C-alpha atoms as a PDB file:
ATOM      1  CA  MET A   1      -0.114  -0.198  -0.093  1.00  0.00           C
ATOM      2  CA  LYS A   2       3.331   2.059   1.126  1.00  0.00           C
ATOM      3  CA  LYS A   3       4.592   1.761  -2.376  1.00  0.00           C
ATOM      4  CA  LEU A   4       1.506   2.404  -4.100  1.00  0.00           C
ATOM      5  CA  LEU A   5       0.759   5.584  -2.144  1.00  0.00           C
ATOM      6  CA  SER A   6       4.418   6.281  -3.339  1.00  0.00           C
ATOM      7  CA  VAL A   7       3.474   6.276  -6.794  1.00  0.00           C
ATOM      8  CA  LEU A   8       0.470   8.069  -7.016  1.00  0.00           C
ATOM      9  CA  LEU A   9       2.429  10.846  -4.822  1.00  0.00           C
ATOM     10  CA  LEU A  10       5.224  11.035  -7.808  1.00  0.00           C
ATOM     11  CA  LEU A  11       2.328  10.912 -10.576  1.00  0.00           C
ATOM     12  CA  CYS A  12       0.322  13.458  -9.086  1.00  0.00           C
ATOM     13  CA  PRO A  13       2.452  16.212 -10.669  1.00  0.00           C
ATOM     14  CA  ALA A  14       2.731  14.644 -14.042  1.00  0.00           C
ATOM     15  CA  LEU A  15      -1.003  14.420 -14.101  1.00  0.00           C
ATOM     16  CA  LEU A  16      -1.457  18.036 -12.627  1.00  0.00           C
ATOM     17  CA  LEU A  17       1.247  19.053 -15.292  1.00  0.00           C
ATOM     18  CA  ALA A  18      -1.363  17.509 -17.951  1.00  0.00           C
ATOM     19  CA  GLN A  19      -4.054  19.526 -17.129  1.00  0.00           C
ATOM     20  CA  THR A  20      -2.602  22.778 -17.342  1.00  0.00           C
ATOM     21  CA  SER A  21      -3.855  25.457 -19.649  1.00  0.00           C
ATOM     22  CA  LYS A  22      -1.671  26.783 -22.994  1.00  0.00           C
ATOM     23  CA  VAL A  23      -1.387  30.530 -24.191  1.00  0.00           C
ATOM     24  CA  PHE A  24       0.249  30.804 -27.449  1.00  0.00           C
ATOM     25  CA  ASP A  25       0.599  34.798 -28.430  1.00  0.00           C
ATOM     26  CA  ASN A  26       2.758  34.539 -31.138  1.00  0.00           C
ATOM     27  CA  LEU A  27       0.816  32.633 -33.918  1.00  0.00           C
ATOM     28  CA  THR A  28       0.413  33.832 -37.513  1.00  0.00           C
ATOM     29  CA  LEU A  29      -1.730  33.135 -40.959  1.00  0.00           C
ATOM     30  CA  ASN A  30      -1.387  34.498 -43.991  1.00  0.00           C
ATOM     31  CA  SER A  31      -4.734  37.029 -45.184  1.00  0.00           C
ATOM     32  CA  LYS A  32      -4.760  37.335 -48.985  1.00  0.00           C
ATOM     33  CA  ILE A  33      -7.515  40.025 -47.602  1.00  0.00           C
ATOM     34  CA  LEU A  34      -5.136  42.231 -46.123  1.00  0.00           C
ATOM     35  CA  LYS A  35      -1.979  41.252 -47.612  1.00  0.00           C
ATOM     36  CA  SER A  36       0.000  40.446 -45.009  1.00  0.00           C
ATOM     37  CA  GLU A  37       1.066  38.075 -42.003  1.00  0.00           C
ATOM     38  CA  ARG A  38      -1.475  38.143 -39.436  1.00  0.00           C
ATOM     39  CA  LYS A  39      -1.070  37.135 -35.818  1.00  0.00           C
ATOM     40  CA  PHE A  40      -3.590  36.065 -33.614  1.00  0.00           C
ATOM     41  CA  ALA A  41      -2.810  34.697 -29.679  1.00  0.00           C
ATOM     42  CA  ILE A  42      -5.150  31.597 -28.588  1.00  0.00           C
ATOM     43  CA  TYR A  43      -6.039  30.120 -25.230  1.00  0.00           C
ATOM     44  CA  LEU A  44      -5.813  26.684 -24.828  1.00  0.00           C
ATOM     45  CA  PRO A  45      -8.083  24.949 -21.960  1.00  0.00           C
ATOM     46  CA  PRO A  46      -6.201  22.730 -19.054  1.00  0.00           C
ATOM     47  CA  ASP A  47      -8.148  19.686 -20.880  1.00  0.00           C
ATOM     48  CA  TYR A  48      -7.399  20.437 -24.080  1.00  0.00           C
ATOM     49  CA  GLU A  49      -4.632  17.792 -24.844  1.00  0.00           C
ATOM     50  CA  THR A  50      -6.405  15.266 -22.613  1.00  0.00           C
ATOM     51  CA  SER A  51     -10.056  15.365 -23.422  1.00  0.00           C
ATOM     52  CA  GLY A  52     -10.434  14.722 -27.486  1.00  0.00           C
ATOM     53  CA  ARG A  53     -13.236  16.497 -27.343  1.00  0.00           C
ATOM     54  CA  SER A  54     -14.564  20.102 -28.889  1.00  0.00           C
ATOM     55  CA  TYR A  55     -15.077  23.269 -27.659  1.00  0.00           C
ATOM     56  CA  PRO A  56     -16.620  26.347 -27.449  1.00  0.00           C
ATOM     57  CA  VAL A  57     -14.938  29.488 -28.652  1.00  0.00           C
ATOM     58  CA  LEU A  58     -14.695  32.644 -27.254  1.00  0.00           C
ATOM     59  CA  TYR A  59     -13.532  35.511 -29.776  1.00  0.00           C
ATOM     60  CA  LEU A  60     -11.658  38.046 -27.434  1.00  0.00           C
ATOM     61  CA  LEU A  61     -10.920  41.564 -28.848  1.00  0.00           C
ATOM     62  CA  HIS A  62      -8.572  43.961 -27.482  1.00  0.00           C
ATOM     63  CA  GLY A  63      -8.623  47.777 -27.406  1.00  0.00           C
ATOM     64  CA  GLY A  64      -6.758  50.513 -29.375  1.00  0.00           C
ATOM     65  CA  GLY A  65      -3.076  50.796 -28.687  1.00  0.00           C
ATOM     66  CA  ASP A  66      -2.826  47.427 -27.748  1.00  0.00           C
ATOM     67  CA  ASP A  67      -2.662  44.369 -30.090  1.00  0.00           C
ATOM     68  CA  HIS A  68      -3.345  40.331 -30.043  1.00  0.00           C
ATOM     69  CA  THR A  69      -1.466  39.945 -26.869  1.00  0.00           C
ATOM     70  CA  GLY A  70      -3.003  42.679 -24.836  1.00  0.00           C
ATOM     71  CA  TRP A  71      -5.733  40.054 -22.848  1.00  0.00           C
ATOM     72  CA  VAL A  72      -2.675  37.669 -22.481  1.00  0.00           C
ATOM     73  CA  GLN A  73       0.110  40.271 -20.850  1.00  0.00           C
ATOM     74  CA  PHE A  74      -2.184  42.860 -19.384  1.00  0.00           C
ATOM     75  CA  GLY A  75      -5.760  40.947 -18.834  1.00  0.00           C
ATOM     76  CA  GLU A  76      -4.480  38.266 -17.363  1.00  0.00           C
ATOM     77  CA  VAL A  77      -6.559  36.004 -19.418  1.00  0.00           C
ATOM     78  CA  GLN A  78      -4.669  32.689 -18.777  1.00  0.00           C
ATOM     79  CA  ASN A  79      -5.130  33.557 -14.911  1.00  0.00           C
ATOM     80  CA  ILE A  80      -8.819  34.565 -14.897  1.00  0.00           C
ATOM     81  CA  THR A  81      -9.898  31.940 -17.293  1.00  0.00           C
ATOM     82  CA  ASP A  82      -8.130  28.770 -15.312  1.00  0.00           C
ATOM     83  CA  LYS A  83      -9.862  30.118 -11.563  1.00  0.00           C
ATOM     84  CA  ALA A  84     -12.977  30.433 -13.199  1.00  0.00           C
ATOM     85  CA  ILE A  85     -12.992  27.385 -15.057  1.00  0.00           C
ATOM     86  CA  ARG A  86     -11.601  25.603 -11.959  1.00  0.00           C
ATOM     87  CA  ASP A  87     -14.439  27.583  -9.634  1.00  0.00           C
ATOM     88  CA  GLY A  88     -17.583  26.149 -11.892  1.00  0.00           C
ATOM     89  CA  ILE A  89     -18.192  29.889 -13.014  1.00  0.00           C
ATOM     90  CA  ALA A  90     -17.394  29.030 -16.524  1.00  0.00           C
ATOM     91  CA  THR A  91     -17.133  25.988 -18.469  1.00  0.00           C
ATOM     92  CA  SER A  92     -14.113  24.833 -20.571  1.00  0.00           C
ATOM     93  CA  MET A  93     -13.708  26.724 -23.734  1.00  0.00           C
ATOM     94  CA  ILE A  94     -11.110  28.276 -26.284  1.00  0.00           C
ATOM     95  CA  ILE A  95     -10.444  31.835 -26.135  1.00  0.00           C
ATOM     96  CA  VAL A  96      -8.928  33.341 -29.537  1.00  0.00           C
ATOM     97  CA  MET A  97      -7.211  36.979 -29.738  1.00  0.00           C
ATOM     98  CA  PRO A  98      -6.539  38.478 -33.163  1.00  0.00           C
ATOM     99  CA  ASP A  99      -4.251  41.374 -33.689  1.00  0.00           C
ATOM    100  CA  ALA A 100      -6.098  44.359 -35.164  1.00  0.00           C
ATOM    101  CA  ASN A 101      -3.259  46.911 -34.608  1.00  0.00           C
ATOM    102  CA  THR A 102      -1.082  45.872 -37.560  1.00  0.00           C
ATOM    103  CA  GLY A 103      -0.928  48.011 -40.610  1.00  0.00           C
ATOM    104  CA  ARG A 104      -3.874  50.031 -39.439  1.00  0.00           C
ATOM    105  CA  ARG A 105      -5.948  50.051 -36.664  1.00  0.00           C
ATOM    106  CA  GLY A 106      -9.396  48.693 -36.572  1.00  0.00           C
ATOM    107  CA  TYR A 107     -12.002  45.630 -36.574  1.00  0.00           C
ATOM    108  CA  TYR A 108     -14.013  47.130 -39.361  1.00  0.00           C
ATOM    109  CA  ASN A 109     -13.436  47.686 -43.300  1.00  0.00           C
ATOM    110  CA  ASP A 110     -11.742  50.791 -44.226  1.00  0.00           C
ATOM    111  CA  ILE A 111     -13.914  53.426 -45.708  1.00  0.00           C
ATOM    112  CA  LYS A 112     -11.966  53.773 -48.735  1.00  0.00           C
ATOM    113  CA  GLY A 113     -11.962  49.867 -49.306  1.00  0.00           C
ATOM    114  CA  ASP A 114      -8.373  48.742 -49.222  1.00  0.00           C
ATOM    115  CA  PHE A 115      -7.933  47.325 -45.659  1.00  0.00           C
ATOM    116  CA  ASN A 116     -11.175  45.492 -44.956  1.00  0.00           C
ATOM    117  CA  TYR A 117     -10.406  44.071 -41.518  1.00  0.00           C
ATOM    118  CA  GLU A 118     -13.555  42.918 -40.974  1.00  0.00           C
ATOM    119  CA  ASP A 119     -13.788  40.638 -44.491  1.00  0.00           C
ATOM    120  CA  PHE A 120     -10.486  38.636 -42.695  1.00  0.00           C
ATOM    121  CA  PHE A 121     -12.226  38.219 -39.210  1.00  0.00           C
ATOM    122  CA  PHE A 122     -15.120  36.385 -41.083  1.00  0.00           C
ATOM    123  CA  THR A 123     -13.645  34.727 -44.287  1.00  0.00           C
ATOM    124  CA  GLU A 124     -10.211  34.071 -43.073  1.00  0.00           C
ATOM    125  CA  LEU A 125      -9.424  33.829 -39.481  1.00  0.00           C
ATOM    126  CA  MET A 126     -12.485  32.410 -37.822  1.00  0.00           C
ATOM    127  CA  PRO A 127     -12.379  29.522 -40.633  1.00  0.00           C
ATOM    128  CA  TYR A 128      -8.989  28.794 -40.326  1.00  0.00           C
ATOM    129  CA  VAL A 129      -8.539  28.701 -36.575  1.00  0.00           C
ATOM    130  CA  GLU A 130     -12.186  26.563 -36.107  1.00  0.00           C
ATOM    131  CA  LYS A 131     -10.901  23.924 -38.414  1.00  0.00           C
ATOM    132  CA  LYS A 132      -7.263  24.297 -37.076  1.00  0.00           C
ATOM    133  CA  TYR A 133      -8.781  23.821 -33.065  1.00  0.00           C
ATOM    134  CA  ARG A 134     -10.974  22.007 -31.945  1.00  0.00           C
ATOM    135  CA  ILE A 135     -13.803  24.526 -31.837  1.00  0.00           C
ATOM    136  CA  LYS A 136     -17.561  23.566 -32.328  1.00  0.00           C
ATOM    137  CA  ALA A 137     -18.369  25.739 -35.605  1.00  0.00           C
ATOM    138  CA  ASP A 138     -21.735  26.004 -34.771  1.00  0.00           C
ATOM    139  CA  LYS A 139     -23.719  29.888 -33.524  1.00  0.00           C
ATOM    140  CA  HIS A 140     -24.441  28.520 -30.157  1.00  0.00           C
ATOM    141  CA  TYR A 141     -21.146  27.820 -28.937  1.00  0.00           C
ATOM    142  CA  ARG A 142     -19.459  30.863 -30.457  1.00  0.00           C
ATOM    143  CA  ALA A 143     -18.905  33.936 -28.281  1.00  0.00           C
ATOM    144  CA  VAL A 144     -17.560  37.514 -28.720  1.00  0.00           C
ATOM    145  CA  ALA A 145     -16.274  40.012 -26.247  1.00  0.00           C
ATOM    146  CA  GLY A 146     -13.718  42.777 -25.966  1.00  0.00           C
ATOM    147  CA  LEU A 147     -13.121  46.157 -24.379  1.00  0.00           C
ATOM    148  CA  SER A 148     -12.633  49.685 -26.028  1.00  0.00           C
ATOM    149  CA  MET A 149     -12.177  49.466 -29.681  1.00  0.00           C
ATOM    150  CA  GLY A 150     -12.764  45.659 -28.999  1.00  0.00           C
ATOM    151  CA  GLY A 151     -16.089  46.355 -26.823  1.00  0.00           C
ATOM    152  CA  GLY A 152     -16.884  48.539 -30.560  1.00  0.00           C
ATOM    153  CA  GLY A 153     -15.769  45.347 -32.593  1.00  0.00           C
ATOM    154  CA  SER A 154     -17.838  43.234 -30.553  1.00  0.00           C
ATOM    155  CA  PHE A 155     -20.962  45.036 -30.972  1.00  0.00           C
ATOM    156  CA  VAL A 156     -20.445  45.327 -34.510  1.00  0.00           C
ATOM    157  CA  TYR A 157     -19.707  41.667 -35.548  1.00  0.00           C
ATOM    158  CA  ALA A 158     -23.011  40.700 -33.281  1.00  0.00           C
ATOM    159  CA  LEU A 159     -25.363  42.961 -35.009  1.00  0.00           C
ATOM    160  CA  HIS A 160     -23.811  42.223 -38.516  1.00  0.00           C
ATOM    161  CA  HIS A 161     -23.954  38.482 -37.867  1.00  0.00           C
ATOM    162  CA  PRO A 162     -26.452  37.668 -34.852  1.00  0.00           C
ATOM    163  CA  GLU A 163     -26.822  34.022 -36.574  1.00  0.00           C
ATOM    164  CA  MET A 164     -23.368  33.296 -35.858  1.00  0.00           C
ATOM    165  CA  PHE A 165     -22.796  34.713 -31.784  1.00  0.00           C
ATOM    166  CA  SER A 166     -24.983  33.325 -28.839  1.00  0.00           C
ATOM    167  CA  SER A 167     -23.565  36.368 -26.618  1.00  0.00           C
ATOM    168  CA  ALA A 168     -21.989  39.746 -27.271  1.00  0.00           C
ATOM    169  CA  CYS A 169     -19.788  41.285 -24.374  1.00  0.00           C
ATOM    170  CA  PRO A 170     -18.877  44.485 -25.028  1.00  0.00           C
ATOM    171  CA  LEU A 171     -16.807  46.215 -22.276  1.00  0.00           C
ATOM    172  CA  SER A 172     -16.316  50.152 -21.973  1.00  0.00           C
ATOM    173  CA  ALA A 173     -16.817  49.632 -25.842  1.00  0.00           C
ATOM    174  CA  ALA A 174     -16.348  52.809 -28.528  1.00  0.00           C
ATOM    175  CA  THR A 175     -19.654  52.661 -29.876  1.00  0.00           C
ATOM    176  CA  GLY A 176     -19.347  54.955 -32.995  1.00  0.00           C
ATOM    177  CA  PHE A 177     -20.544  58.176 -34.190  1.00  0.00           C
ATOM    178  CA  LEU A 178     -23.422  59.258 -32.314  1.00  0.00           C
ATOM    179  CA  SER A 179     -24.505  61.536 -35.135  1.00  0.00           C
ATOM    180  CA  LEU A 180     -23.945  61.520 -39.215  1.00  0.00           C
ATOM    181  CA  GLU A 181     -23.263  64.976 -38.970  1.00  0.00           C
ATOM    182  CA  GLU A 182     -19.818  63.851 -36.158  1.00  0.00           C
ATOM    183  CA  ALA A 183     -19.246  60.897 -38.652  1.00  0.00           C
ATOM    184  CA  LYS A 184     -19.110  63.174 -41.895  1.00  0.00           C
ATOM    185  CA  ALA A 185     -16.647  65.743 -39.773  1.00  0.00           C
ATOM    186  CA  ALA A 186     -14.676  63.033 -38.447  1.00  0.00           C
ATOM    187  CA  LEU A 187     -14.278  61.086 -41.482  1.00  0.00           C
ATOM    188  CA  VAL A 188     -13.320  64.120 -43.535  1.00  0.00           C
ATOM    189  CA  LYS A 189     -10.995  65.279 -41.394  1.00  0.00           C
ATOM    190  CA  ASN A 190      -9.198  61.537 -41.196  1.00  0.00           C
ATOM    191  CA  ASN A 191      -9.015  61.184 -44.849  1.00  0.00           C
ATOM    192  CA  PRO A 192      -8.165  64.337 -46.324  1.00  0.00           C
ATOM    193  CA  ASN A 193      -6.676  63.407 -49.646  1.00  0.00           C
ATOM    194  CA  VAL A 194      -9.494  61.643 -50.338  1.00  0.00           C
ATOM    195  CA  THR A 195     -13.115  63.222 -51.797  1.00  0.00           C
ATOM    196  CA  LEU A 196     -15.590  60.965 -49.897  1.00  0.00           C
ATOM    197  CA  ALA A 197     -19.191  61.230 -51.087  1.00  0.00           C
ATOM    198  CA  ASP A 198     -21.985  62.178 -48.901  1.00  0.00           C
ATOM    199  CA  SER A 199     -23.575  58.803 -49.228  1.00  0.00           C
ATOM    200  CA  THR A 200     -20.416  56.887 -48.971  1.00  0.00           C
ATOM    201  CA  ILE A 201     -20.067  58.774 -45.239  1.00  0.00           C
ATOM    202  CA  SER A 202     -23.726  58.133 -44.419  1.00  0.00           C
ATOM    203  CA  ASN A 203     -23.651  53.924 -45.604  1.00  0.00           C
ATOM    204  CA  TYR A 204     -20.464  54.012 -43.243  1.00  0.00           C
ATOM    205  CA  TYR A 205     -21.926  55.733 -40.375  1.00  0.00           C
ATOM    206  CA  ASN A 206     -25.256  53.126 -40.638  1.00  0.00           C
ATOM    207  CA  LYS A 207     -22.532  50.618 -40.990  1.00  0.00           C
ATOM    208  CA  TYR A 208     -20.630  50.974 -38.266  1.00  0.00           C
ATOM    209  CA  SER A 209     -22.120  52.529 -35.806  1.00  0.00           C
ATOM    210  CA  VAL A 210     -24.129  50.874 -33.156  1.00  0.00           C
ATOM    211  CA  ILE A 211     -26.930  53.758 -32.846  1.00  0.00           C
ATOM    212  CA  PRO A 212     -27.913  53.154 -36.573  1.00  0.00           C
ATOM    213  CA  LEU A 213     -27.415  49.693 -36.616  1.00  0.00           C
ATOM    214  CA  ILE A 214     -29.899  48.882 -33.651  1.00  0.00           C
ATOM    215  CA  ASN A 215     -32.384  51.227 -35.034  1.00  0.00           C
ATOM    216  CA  ALA A 216     -32.592  49.372 -38.097  1.00  0.00           C
ATOM    217  CA  MET A 217     -32.533  45.572 -36.626  1.00  0.00           C
ATOM    218  CA  PRO A 218     -35.320  43.757 -37.372  1.00  0.00           C
ATOM    219  CA  ASP A 219     -37.902  42.516 -34.742  1.00  0.00           C
ATOM    220  CA  ALA A 220     -37.039  39.119 -35.415  1.00  0.00           C
ATOM    221  CA  ASN A 221     -33.416  39.769 -34.145  1.00  0.00           C
ATOM    222  CA  LYS A 222     -34.050  41.135 -31.066  1.00  0.00           C
ATOM    223  CA  LYS A 223     -33.677  37.871 -28.924  1.00  0.00           C
ATOM    224  CA  ALA A 224     -31.230  36.714 -31.506  1.00  0.00           C
ATOM    225  CA  VAL A 225     -28.029  37.709 -28.903  1.00  0.00           C
ATOM    226  CA  ARG A 226     -27.512  37.625 -25.538  1.00  0.00           C
ATOM    227  CA  TRP A 227     -26.002  41.128 -24.799  1.00  0.00           C
ATOM    228  CA  PHE A 228     -23.959  42.182 -21.215  1.00  0.00           C
ATOM    229  CA  MET A 229     -22.697  45.540 -21.714  1.00  0.00           C
ATOM    230  CA  ASP A 230     -20.107  46.645 -18.618  1.00  0.00           C
ATOM    231  CA  ILE A 231     -18.938  50.090 -18.346  1.00  0.00           C
ATOM    232  CA  GLY A 232     -17.360  52.266 -15.336  1.00  0.00           C
ATOM    233  CA  ASP A 233     -19.264  55.290 -14.292  1.00  0.00           C
ATOM    234  CA  ASP A 234     -15.531  57.541 -14.756  1.00  0.00           C
ATOM    235  CA  ASP A 235     -15.321  56.166 -18.134  1.00  0.00           C
ATOM    236  CA  PHE A 236     -14.955  58.592 -21.184  1.00  0.00           C
ATOM    237  CA  LEU A 237     -17.280  56.895 -23.821  1.00  0.00           C
ATOM    238  CA  TYR A 238     -20.199  56.669 -20.855  1.00  0.00           C
ATOM    239  CA  GLU A 239     -22.701  58.785 -23.010  1.00  0.00           C
ATOM    240  CA  GLY A 240     -22.346  56.518 -26.113  1.00  0.00           C
ATOM    241  CA  ASN A 241     -23.091  53.470 -23.671  1.00  0.00           C
ATOM    242  CA  GLY A 242     -25.613  54.925 -21.842  1.00  0.00           C
ATOM    243  CA  LEU A 243     -27.524  55.867 -25.010  1.00  0.00           C
ATOM    244  CA  VAL A 244     -27.195  52.361 -26.584  1.00  0.00           C
ATOM    245  CA  HIS A 245     -28.394  51.203 -23.714  1.00  0.00           C
ATOM    246  CA  ASN A 246     -31.144  53.375 -23.387  1.00  0.00           C
ATOM    247  CA  LEU A 247     -31.932  52.623 -27.190  1.00  0.00           C
ATOM    248  CA  MET A 248     -32.042  48.960 -26.296  1.00  0.00           C
ATOM    249  CA  ARG A 249     -34.716  49.230 -23.773  1.00  0.00           C
ATOM    250  CA  LYS A 250     -36.922  51.712 -25.740  1.00  0.00           C
ATOM    251  CA  LYS A 251     -36.800  48.984 -28.409  1.00  0.00           C
ATOM    252  CA  GLU A 252     -37.455  46.188 -26.143  1.00  0.00           C
ATOM    253  CA  ILE A 253     -34.229  44.477 -26.751  1.00  0.00           C
ATOM    254  CA  PRO A 254     -32.831  42.118 -24.163  1.00  0.00           C
ATOM    255  CA  HIS A 255     -29.497  43.257 -22.500  1.00  0.00           C
ATOM    256  CA  GLU A 256     -27.673  42.738 -19.409  1.00  0.00           C
ATOM    257  CA  TYR A 257     -26.284  46.752 -18.578  1.00  0.00           C
ATOM    258  CA  ARG A 258     -23.314  47.145 -15.717  1.00  0.00           C
ATOM    259  CA  VAL A 259     -21.876  50.343 -14.709  1.00  0.00           C
ATOM    260  CA  ARG A 260     -19.694  49.820 -11.664  1.00  0.00           C
ATOM    261  CA  ASP A 261     -16.923  52.134 -10.257  1.00  0.00           C
ATOM    262  CA  GLY A 262     -14.159  52.532 -12.390  1.00  0.00           C
ATOM    263  CA  ALA A 263     -12.497  54.172 -15.507  1.00  0.00           C
ATOM    264  CA  HIS A 264     -10.817  53.183 -18.773  1.00  0.00           C
ATOM    265  CA  ASN A 265      -8.193  50.773 -17.573  1.00  0.00           C
ATOM    266  CA  TRP A 266      -7.210  46.995 -17.256  1.00  0.00           C
ATOM    267  CA  THR A 267      -8.017  47.409 -13.650  1.00  0.00           C
ATOM    268  CA  TYR A 268     -11.541  47.430 -14.673  1.00  0.00           C
ATOM    269  CA  TRP A 269     -11.524  44.796 -17.520  1.00  0.00           C
ATOM    270  CA  ARG A 270      -9.728  42.128 -15.282  1.00  0.00           C
ATOM    271  CA  ALA A 271     -12.665  42.398 -13.266  1.00  0.00           C
ATOM    272  CA  SER A 272     -14.870  42.702 -16.247  1.00  0.00           C
ATOM    273  CA  LEU A 273     -13.153  38.946 -17.420  1.00  0.00           C
ATOM    274  CA  PRO A 274     -15.050  36.389 -15.062  1.00  0.00           C
ATOM    275  CA  VAL A 275     -18.533  38.210 -15.233  1.00  0.00           C
ATOM    276  CA  VAL A 276     -17.667  37.639 -19.182  1.00  0.00           C
ATOM    277  CA  LEU A 277     -16.840  34.207 -18.934  1.00  0.00           C
ATOM    278  CA  GLU A 278     -19.772  33.619 -16.602  1.00  0.00           C
ATOM    279  CA  PHE A 279     -21.892  35.047 -19.056  1.00  0.00           C
ATOM    280  CA  VAL A 280     -21.109  33.359 -22.508  1.00  0.00           C
ATOM    281  CA  SER A 281     -20.943  30.038 -20.691  1.00  0.00           C
ATOM    282  CA  GLN A 282     -24.589  30.522 -19.638  1.00  0.00           C
ATOM    283  CA  ALA A 283     -25.519  30.125 -23.703  1.00  0.00           C
ATOM    284  CA  PHE A 284     -22.709  27.683 -23.647  1.00  0.00           C
ATOM    285  CA  HIS A 285     -24.074  25.026 -21.419  1.00  0.00           C
ATOM    286  CA  GLN A 286     -27.849  25.707 -22.831  1.00  0.00           C
ATOM    287  CA  TYR A 287     -29.316  27.736 -19.945  1.00  0.00           C
END
């Protein structure tokens, strides 16, 4: 018996090591759409290498100024997700963190049509990772979340493709232009060497600003996506998030809206991540 216990004790560290999550933060794929190598990071749950099963996926988007390593380095995604899984708050999932800060910054197609990041995300990145890794490639098992610029990406991606995501969690989100006049002034200023037609600006505003997207939402899509929004009471993006929340209430779109003490920083977003993991897991678990 003593020998058996000794063997088991010796094996325990190896077994624990085998059940360790992994993060790879320097992965690449070639993009024909963006004409470049694109980086991404991925979190694989503790039982990924031993289970043989497929997993739900969360696409976790970084903010402006960061890249695909932001959630890894500053967001502590590995430690936070490991703990959430261990504590039973979240189910085991794969987390994909793309880079939207190389060459150009942002998750949208450019107004000039020469850098179409959204097209890359849906037609190249998602098919690539969902084939390469054991991901359940189905709306029910797919979610999107992000902070700041990535919060805007989370909004727009889920509003453009409600058939693809069960949950969306915009955190401290950049909700886009709050009016067509604001869009025109900003887009003209940011594209000084290009003549933009009024129709081009209007179409871009309607496609990549959250308020017109929600105003245009068909009744049939009001319950297509589970929404969780989170914003700090000292966040400079508070106005846009409040307007979106009020509009969603007016249009009777179910959503969770949280305002906590905090600002536009990683201290706030690290505290948000466990809540996001729990929220998306509810759909993965078939709530």
